[in-house]
Protein backbone atom coordinates (compact mmCIF):
# COMPACT_ATOMS: atom_id res chain seq x y z
CA UNK A 1 231.89 125.36 196.98
CA UNK A 2 233.17 128.34 198.96
CA UNK A 3 230.93 130.85 200.69
CA UNK A 4 231.49 134.52 201.46
CA UNK A 5 229.28 136.58 203.74
CA UNK A 6 228.94 140.33 203.27
CA UNK A 7 226.59 142.94 204.65
CA UNK A 8 223.98 144.43 202.34
CA UNK A 9 220.87 146.56 202.61
CA UNK A 10 217.85 145.77 200.46
CA UNK A 11 215.05 148.30 200.71
CA UNK A 12 211.71 147.87 198.97
CA UNK A 13 213.17 145.11 196.80
CA UNK A 14 216.11 147.24 195.62
CA UNK A 15 219.75 146.70 196.56
CA UNK A 16 220.76 149.93 198.35
CA UNK A 17 224.13 149.09 199.95
CA UNK A 18 226.78 146.38 199.61
CA UNK A 19 229.53 146.19 202.23
CA UNK A 20 232.18 144.68 199.93
CA UNK A 21 233.02 144.54 196.24
CA UNK A 22 231.14 141.82 194.37
CA UNK A 23 232.66 139.76 191.57
CA UNK A 24 231.60 140.37 187.97
CA UNK A 25 228.93 138.24 186.41
CA UNK A 26 225.88 136.54 187.83
CA UNK A 27 225.69 135.61 191.51
CA UNK A 28 223.57 132.86 193.02
CA UNK A 29 222.68 134.10 196.51
CA UNK A 30 220.68 132.99 199.53
CA UNK A 31 219.10 135.79 201.56
CA UNK A 32 218.81 135.21 205.29
CA UNK A 33 217.02 137.79 207.39
CA UNK A 34 215.29 138.06 210.75
CA UNK A 35 211.58 138.50 211.28
CA UNK A 36 210.51 139.53 214.75
CA UNK A 37 206.82 139.30 215.52
CA UNK A 38 205.27 142.29 217.24
CA UNK A 39 207.88 144.77 216.03
CA UNK A 40 207.47 147.16 213.16
CA UNK A 41 209.81 147.09 210.18
CA UNK A 42 210.59 150.79 210.65
CA UNK A 43 213.11 150.46 213.46
CA UNK A 44 215.50 153.30 214.13
CA UNK A 45 219.25 152.81 213.98
CA UNK A 46 219.44 153.67 217.69
CA UNK A 47 217.08 150.80 218.55
CA UNK A 48 218.97 148.26 216.44
CA UNK A 49 222.35 149.28 217.85
CA UNK A 50 221.03 149.30 221.42
CA UNK A 51 219.74 145.73 220.97
CA UNK A 52 223.13 144.53 219.74
CA UNK A 53 225.38 146.72 221.89
CA UNK A 54 226.22 143.84 224.27
CA UNK A 55 228.30 142.28 221.50
CA UNK A 56 230.94 145.01 221.59
CA UNK A 57 232.52 146.34 224.75
CA UNK A 58 232.17 150.09 225.43
CA UNK A 59 229.80 150.76 222.52
CA UNK A 60 227.74 153.95 222.71
CA UNK A 61 224.54 153.36 220.68
CA UNK A 62 223.73 157.03 220.10
CA UNK A 63 227.21 157.86 218.77
CA UNK A 64 227.36 154.74 216.60
CA UNK A 65 223.90 155.44 215.15
CA UNK A 66 224.91 158.99 214.21
CA UNK A 67 228.17 157.77 212.67
CA UNK A 68 226.40 155.05 210.63
CA UNK A 69 223.75 157.47 209.38
CA UNK A 70 226.42 159.95 208.25
CA UNK A 71 228.31 157.19 206.38
CA UNK A 72 225.14 155.93 204.67
CA UNK A 73 224.08 159.42 203.62
CA UNK A 74 227.53 160.12 202.09
CA UNK A 75 227.39 156.87 200.07
CA UNK A 76 223.95 157.60 198.60
CA UNK A 77 224.59 161.20 197.55
């Protein structure tokens, strides 16, 4: 069996964003997500990008957060 990994956002039990086109029909999926004790669920995009900014060289968290927010808002309008 082959596996494909795509990014998705599920908010309040509803699928809000899918990063790639999904095939037609029913999908059997496994959701894997991180739980961090002591942190609230309502993290800002700036915080998340700042925590992961070491992965990509020369990443500016503030600019990336603004760019992501603008893309998300365009997709949900």
